[in-house]
N, C-alpha and C. Protein backbone atom coordinates (compact mmCIF):
# COMPACT_ATOMS: atom_id res chain seq x y z
N MET A 1 9.08 6.94 6.49
CA MET A 1 9.81 5.75 6.87
C MET A 1 10.36 5.93 8.27
N SER A 2 10.41 4.87 9.00
CA SER A 2 10.97 4.93 10.33
C SER A 2 11.78 3.69 10.56
N ILE A 3 12.71 3.76 11.52
CA ILE A 3 13.51 2.61 11.83
C ILE A 3 13.42 2.28 13.30
N HIS A 4 13.13 1.09 13.59
CA HIS A 4 13.15 0.58 14.96
C HIS A 4 13.70 -0.85 14.81
N SER A 5 14.99 -0.89 14.51
CA SER A 5 15.60 -2.19 14.19
C SER A 5 15.72 -3.11 15.39
N ARG A 6 15.47 -4.36 15.14
CA ARG A 6 15.70 -5.37 16.16
C ARG A 6 17.05 -6.02 16.02
N LEU A 7 17.81 -5.55 15.02
CA LEU A 7 19.16 -6.04 14.81
C LEU A 7 20.14 -5.09 15.45
N PRO A 8 21.30 -5.59 15.78
CA PRO A 8 22.32 -4.71 16.40
C PRO A 8 22.65 -3.56 15.47
N GLY A 9 23.08 -2.46 16.09
CA GLY A 9 23.49 -1.32 15.27
C GLY A 9 24.67 -1.66 14.38
N GLY A 10 25.03 -0.75 13.56
CA GLY A 10 26.17 -0.99 12.68
C GLY A 10 25.75 -1.00 11.24
N GLY A 11 26.51 -1.77 10.48
CA GLY A 11 26.30 -1.82 9.02
C GLY A 11 25.04 -2.59 8.62
N PHE A 12 24.78 -2.49 7.37
CA PHE A 12 23.61 -3.16 6.80
C PHE A 12 23.76 -4.66 6.90
N PRO A 13 22.79 -5.37 7.43
CA PRO A 13 22.87 -6.83 7.60
C PRO A 13 22.51 -7.54 6.28
N GLY A 14 23.34 -7.38 5.26
CA GLY A 14 23.04 -7.88 3.93
C GLY A 14 22.79 -9.39 3.90
N ARG A 15 23.58 -10.16 4.58
CA ARG A 15 23.37 -11.62 4.57
C ARG A 15 22.05 -12.01 5.15
N ASP A 16 21.68 -11.37 6.26
CA ASP A 16 20.38 -11.67 6.87
C ASP A 16 19.22 -11.28 5.96
N VAL A 17 19.35 -10.12 5.33
CA VAL A 17 18.30 -9.66 4.43
C VAL A 17 18.18 -10.57 3.21
N GLU A 18 19.33 -10.95 2.61
CA GLU A 18 19.30 -11.83 1.47
C GLU A 18 18.70 -13.18 1.82
N ALA A 19 19.07 -13.73 2.98
CA ALA A 19 18.48 -15.01 3.43
C ALA A 19 16.99 -14.87 3.63
N CYS A 20 16.55 -13.74 4.20
CA CYS A 20 15.11 -13.49 4.40
C CYS A 20 14.40 -13.43 3.06
N ILE A 21 14.95 -12.74 2.08
CA ILE A 21 14.32 -12.61 0.76
C ILE A 21 14.20 -14.00 0.12
N ARG A 22 15.25 -14.74 0.14
CA ARG A 22 15.24 -16.08 -0.49
C ARG A 22 14.27 -17.03 0.21
N GLU A 23 14.26 -16.98 1.52
CA GLU A 23 13.33 -17.82 2.29
C GLU A 23 11.88 -17.45 1.99
N ALA A 24 11.57 -16.15 1.98
CA ALA A 24 10.21 -15.71 1.72
C ALA A 24 9.82 -16.02 0.27
N LEU A 25 10.74 -15.88 -0.68
CA LEU A 25 10.43 -16.23 -2.06
C LEU A 25 10.12 -17.70 -2.20
N ASN A 26 10.92 -18.54 -1.55
CA ASN A 26 10.67 -19.99 -1.61
C ASN A 26 9.32 -20.35 -1.01
N ALA A 27 8.99 -19.76 0.11
CA ALA A 27 7.72 -20.05 0.76
C ALA A 27 6.55 -19.56 -0.08
N GLU A 28 6.67 -18.38 -0.65
CA GLU A 28 5.58 -17.82 -1.44
C GLU A 28 5.42 -18.57 -2.77
N GLN A 29 6.52 -18.93 -3.39
CA GLN A 29 6.41 -19.67 -4.64
C GLN A 29 5.87 -21.06 -4.41
N SER A 30 6.21 -21.69 -3.29
CA SER A 30 5.58 -22.97 -2.98
C SER A 30 4.09 -22.83 -2.78
N ALA A 31 3.70 -21.80 -2.06
CA ALA A 31 2.24 -21.54 -1.87
C ALA A 31 1.57 -21.26 -3.18
N GLN A 32 2.19 -20.54 -4.06
CA GLN A 32 1.56 -20.22 -5.34
C GLN A 32 1.40 -21.47 -6.21
N ARG A 33 2.36 -22.40 -6.11
CA ARG A 33 2.24 -23.67 -6.86
C ARG A 33 1.07 -24.45 -6.37
N ILE A 34 0.74 -24.39 -5.09
CA ILE A 34 -0.39 -25.12 -4.55
C ILE A 34 -1.68 -24.41 -4.94
N LEU A 35 -1.70 -23.06 -4.85
CA LEU A 35 -2.88 -22.29 -5.18
C LEU A 35 -3.16 -22.28 -6.67
N ARG A 36 -2.12 -22.30 -7.45
CA ARG A 36 -2.26 -22.26 -8.94
C ARG A 36 -1.47 -23.38 -9.55
N PRO A 37 -2.00 -24.60 -9.50
CA PRO A 37 -1.22 -25.76 -9.94
C PRO A 37 -0.97 -25.81 -11.45
N ASN A 38 -1.75 -25.08 -12.24
CA ASN A 38 -1.50 -25.07 -13.67
C ASN A 38 -0.24 -24.25 -13.99
N ALA A 39 0.49 -24.68 -14.96
CA ALA A 39 1.73 -23.98 -15.34
C ALA A 39 1.41 -22.55 -15.69
N ALA A 40 2.30 -21.64 -15.28
CA ALA A 40 2.11 -20.22 -15.61
C ALA A 40 2.36 -20.02 -17.10
N SER A 41 1.80 -18.99 -17.62
CA SER A 41 1.98 -18.70 -19.04
C SER A 41 3.42 -18.24 -19.30
N ALA A 42 3.88 -18.37 -20.50
CA ALA A 42 5.24 -17.98 -20.88
C ALA A 42 5.53 -16.49 -20.66
N CYS A 43 4.47 -15.67 -20.72
CA CYS A 43 4.66 -14.23 -20.54
C CYS A 43 4.49 -13.75 -19.10
N ALA A 44 4.14 -14.66 -18.19
CA ALA A 44 4.02 -14.27 -16.79
C ALA A 44 5.38 -14.15 -16.14
N PRO A 45 5.57 -13.21 -15.24
CA PRO A 45 6.86 -13.06 -14.55
C PRO A 45 7.10 -14.24 -13.63
N GLU A 46 8.37 -14.57 -13.41
CA GLU A 46 8.69 -15.69 -12.51
C GLU A 46 8.32 -15.32 -11.07
N VAL A 47 8.44 -14.04 -10.71
CA VAL A 47 8.08 -13.59 -9.37
C VAL A 47 7.06 -12.47 -9.56
N ASP A 48 5.78 -12.78 -9.34
CA ASP A 48 4.77 -11.75 -9.58
C ASP A 48 4.72 -10.73 -8.44
N SER A 49 4.03 -9.63 -8.70
CA SER A 49 4.06 -8.51 -7.76
C SER A 49 3.40 -8.88 -6.41
N LEU A 50 2.47 -9.79 -6.37
CA LEU A 50 1.86 -10.18 -5.11
C LEU A 50 2.86 -10.92 -4.23
N VAL A 51 3.72 -11.74 -4.86
CA VAL A 51 4.74 -12.42 -4.15
C VAL A 51 5.77 -11.40 -3.63
N VAL A 52 6.08 -10.40 -4.44
CA VAL A 52 7.05 -9.38 -4.04
C VAL A 52 6.54 -8.66 -2.80
N VAL A 53 5.26 -8.34 -2.74
CA VAL A 53 4.69 -7.66 -1.59
C VAL A 53 4.89 -8.52 -0.32
N GLU A 54 4.66 -9.82 -0.43
CA GLU A 54 4.88 -10.69 0.72
C GLU A 54 6.32 -10.73 1.15
N VAL A 55 7.25 -10.70 0.17
CA VAL A 55 8.68 -10.68 0.47
C VAL A 55 9.06 -9.40 1.18
N ILE A 56 8.51 -8.30 0.70
CA ILE A 56 8.74 -6.99 1.32
C ILE A 56 8.26 -7.00 2.77
N CYS A 57 7.09 -7.58 3.01
CA CYS A 57 6.58 -7.68 4.40
C CYS A 57 7.55 -8.45 5.28
N ALA A 58 8.14 -9.51 4.74
CA ALA A 58 9.11 -10.30 5.52
C ALA A 58 10.34 -9.47 5.84
N ILE A 59 10.82 -8.67 4.88
CA ILE A 59 11.99 -7.80 5.14
C ILE A 59 11.64 -6.77 6.19
N GLU A 60 10.47 -6.17 6.10
CA GLU A 60 10.05 -5.20 7.09
C GLU A 60 10.03 -5.80 8.51
N GLU A 61 9.52 -7.02 8.58
CA GLU A 61 9.43 -7.68 9.86
C GLU A 61 10.81 -7.96 10.40
N LEU A 62 11.72 -8.41 9.57
CA LEU A 62 13.10 -8.72 9.98
C LEU A 62 13.80 -7.46 10.51
N LEU A 63 13.71 -6.39 9.78
CA LEU A 63 14.47 -5.20 10.12
C LEU A 63 13.76 -4.21 11.00
N GLY A 64 12.43 -4.33 11.09
CA GLY A 64 11.68 -3.36 11.87
C GLY A 64 11.58 -2.04 11.19
N VAL A 65 11.53 -2.04 9.83
CA VAL A 65 11.42 -0.81 9.06
C VAL A 65 10.18 -0.86 8.19
N THR A 66 9.78 0.33 7.75
CA THR A 66 8.69 0.42 6.75
C THR A 66 9.35 0.76 5.44
N LEU A 67 9.10 -0.08 4.42
CA LEU A 67 9.67 0.14 3.12
C LEU A 67 8.69 0.77 2.18
N PRO A 68 9.13 1.58 1.24
CA PRO A 68 8.20 2.25 0.31
C PRO A 68 7.45 1.21 -0.56
N THR A 69 6.22 1.58 -0.88
CA THR A 69 5.40 0.70 -1.73
C THR A 69 5.98 0.59 -3.13
N SER A 70 6.82 1.53 -3.53
CA SER A 70 7.45 1.50 -4.84
C SER A 70 8.42 0.31 -5.01
N PHE A 71 8.72 -0.35 -3.92
CA PHE A 71 9.64 -1.54 -3.99
C PHE A 71 9.02 -2.66 -4.78
N ALA A 72 7.72 -2.70 -4.89
CA ALA A 72 7.06 -3.83 -5.61
C ALA A 72 6.76 -3.31 -7.02
N PRO A 73 7.60 -3.67 -8.01
CA PRO A 73 7.36 -3.17 -9.36
C PRO A 73 6.13 -3.80 -9.96
N ARG A 74 5.43 -3.05 -10.77
CA ARG A 74 4.27 -3.59 -11.50
C ARG A 74 4.74 -4.76 -12.33
N GLY A 75 4.02 -5.84 -12.19
CA GLY A 75 4.30 -7.03 -13.00
C GLY A 75 5.32 -7.96 -12.34
N GLY A 76 6.07 -7.52 -11.38
CA GLY A 76 7.02 -8.38 -10.71
C GLY A 76 8.36 -8.44 -11.40
N TYR A 77 9.00 -9.58 -11.25
CA TYR A 77 10.38 -9.75 -11.79
C TYR A 77 10.41 -10.98 -12.71
N ASP A 78 11.25 -10.86 -13.73
CA ASP A 78 11.38 -11.96 -14.69
C ASP A 78 12.10 -13.16 -14.11
N ASP A 79 12.96 -12.94 -13.10
CA ASP A 79 13.63 -14.07 -12.48
C ASP A 79 13.95 -13.79 -11.04
N VAL A 80 14.22 -14.87 -10.31
CA VAL A 80 14.45 -14.77 -8.85
C VAL A 80 15.70 -13.95 -8.54
N GLU A 81 16.76 -14.17 -9.27
CA GLU A 81 18.00 -13.42 -8.99
C GLU A 81 17.84 -11.91 -9.16
N ALA A 82 17.06 -11.49 -10.17
CA ALA A 82 16.83 -10.08 -10.36
C ALA A 82 16.02 -9.52 -9.19
N CYS A 83 15.07 -10.31 -8.71
CA CYS A 83 14.30 -9.89 -7.56
C CYS A 83 15.15 -9.74 -6.31
N VAL A 84 15.98 -10.72 -6.02
CA VAL A 84 16.83 -10.70 -4.86
C VAL A 84 17.79 -9.50 -4.94
N ALA A 85 18.43 -9.34 -6.07
CA ALA A 85 19.41 -8.25 -6.22
C ALA A 85 18.74 -6.88 -6.06
N ASP A 86 17.56 -6.69 -6.66
CA ASP A 86 16.91 -5.39 -6.63
C ASP A 86 16.40 -5.09 -5.22
N LEU A 87 15.73 -6.06 -4.60
CA LEU A 87 15.20 -5.83 -3.24
C LEU A 87 16.34 -5.60 -2.23
N LEU A 88 17.41 -6.34 -2.39
CA LEU A 88 18.58 -6.21 -1.51
C LEU A 88 19.14 -4.77 -1.66
N ALA A 89 19.32 -4.31 -2.89
CA ALA A 89 19.89 -3.00 -3.14
C ALA A 89 18.95 -1.88 -2.62
N GLN A 90 17.68 -2.02 -2.87
CA GLN A 90 16.73 -1.01 -2.43
C GLN A 90 16.64 -0.95 -0.89
N THR A 91 16.65 -2.13 -0.27
CA THR A 91 16.60 -2.20 1.19
C THR A 91 17.86 -1.61 1.79
N ARG A 92 19.00 -1.89 1.19
CA ARG A 92 20.30 -1.30 1.63
C ARG A 92 20.19 0.25 1.60
N GLY A 93 19.65 0.76 0.49
CA GLY A 93 19.53 2.24 0.34
C GLY A 93 18.67 2.83 1.44
N VAL A 94 17.55 2.18 1.74
CA VAL A 94 16.68 2.67 2.81
C VAL A 94 17.38 2.59 4.15
N TRP A 95 18.05 1.47 4.40
CA TRP A 95 18.77 1.26 5.67
C TRP A 95 19.80 2.37 5.88
N VAL A 96 20.59 2.66 4.85
CA VAL A 96 21.62 3.69 4.97
C VAL A 96 20.99 5.05 5.23
N GLU A 97 19.95 5.36 4.52
CA GLU A 97 19.26 6.65 4.72
C GLU A 97 18.66 6.77 6.12
N LEU A 98 18.06 5.73 6.58
CA LEU A 98 17.45 5.73 7.91
C LEU A 98 18.49 5.85 9.02
N ARG A 99 19.62 5.18 8.82
CA ARG A 99 20.73 5.26 9.80
C ARG A 99 21.25 6.69 9.85
N LYS A 100 21.39 7.31 8.67
CA LYS A 100 21.84 8.74 8.68
C LYS A 100 20.89 9.63 9.42
N GLN A 101 19.56 9.41 9.18
CA GLN A 101 18.55 10.22 9.89
C GLN A 101 18.62 9.98 11.37
N GLU A 102 18.81 8.73 11.76
CA GLU A 102 18.90 8.41 13.16
C GLU A 102 20.09 9.05 13.85
N GLU A 103 21.24 9.02 13.11
CA GLU A 103 22.45 9.63 13.67
C GLU A 103 22.29 11.15 13.80
N GLU A 104 21.67 11.81 12.78
CA GLU A 104 21.42 13.23 12.84
C GLU A 104 20.51 13.60 13.96
N HIS A 105 19.51 12.77 14.19
CA HIS A 105 18.55 13.02 15.25
C HIS A 105 19.21 12.95 16.66
N HIS A 106 20.14 12.02 16.79
CA HIS A 106 20.84 11.84 18.10
C HIS A 106 22.03 12.72 18.28
N ALA A 107 22.37 13.48 17.23
CA ALA A 107 23.56 14.35 17.31
C ALA A 107 23.23 15.65 17.98
């Protein structure tokens, strides 16, 4: 993992990341409704893993970081709020770790 953030230094930009996640989810879910107009089955996740990958790409672009592939759970998420909370928490963890590494490197 590496960090080359386009955002100002400092704390984790949680609001920006959450807005990015929600925007990407909305865009991807709209696209999926067009691509798959039939109603999803009752056992299908609300946010499938392919949508999660697209959301992760949006986060990476926003922050200028590479996120682990493990961020996209098999099968996706049962609901949007679980997806947002999980990706936000995981991204925050990576951000904090990368900032520590960056500080150690410059020390």
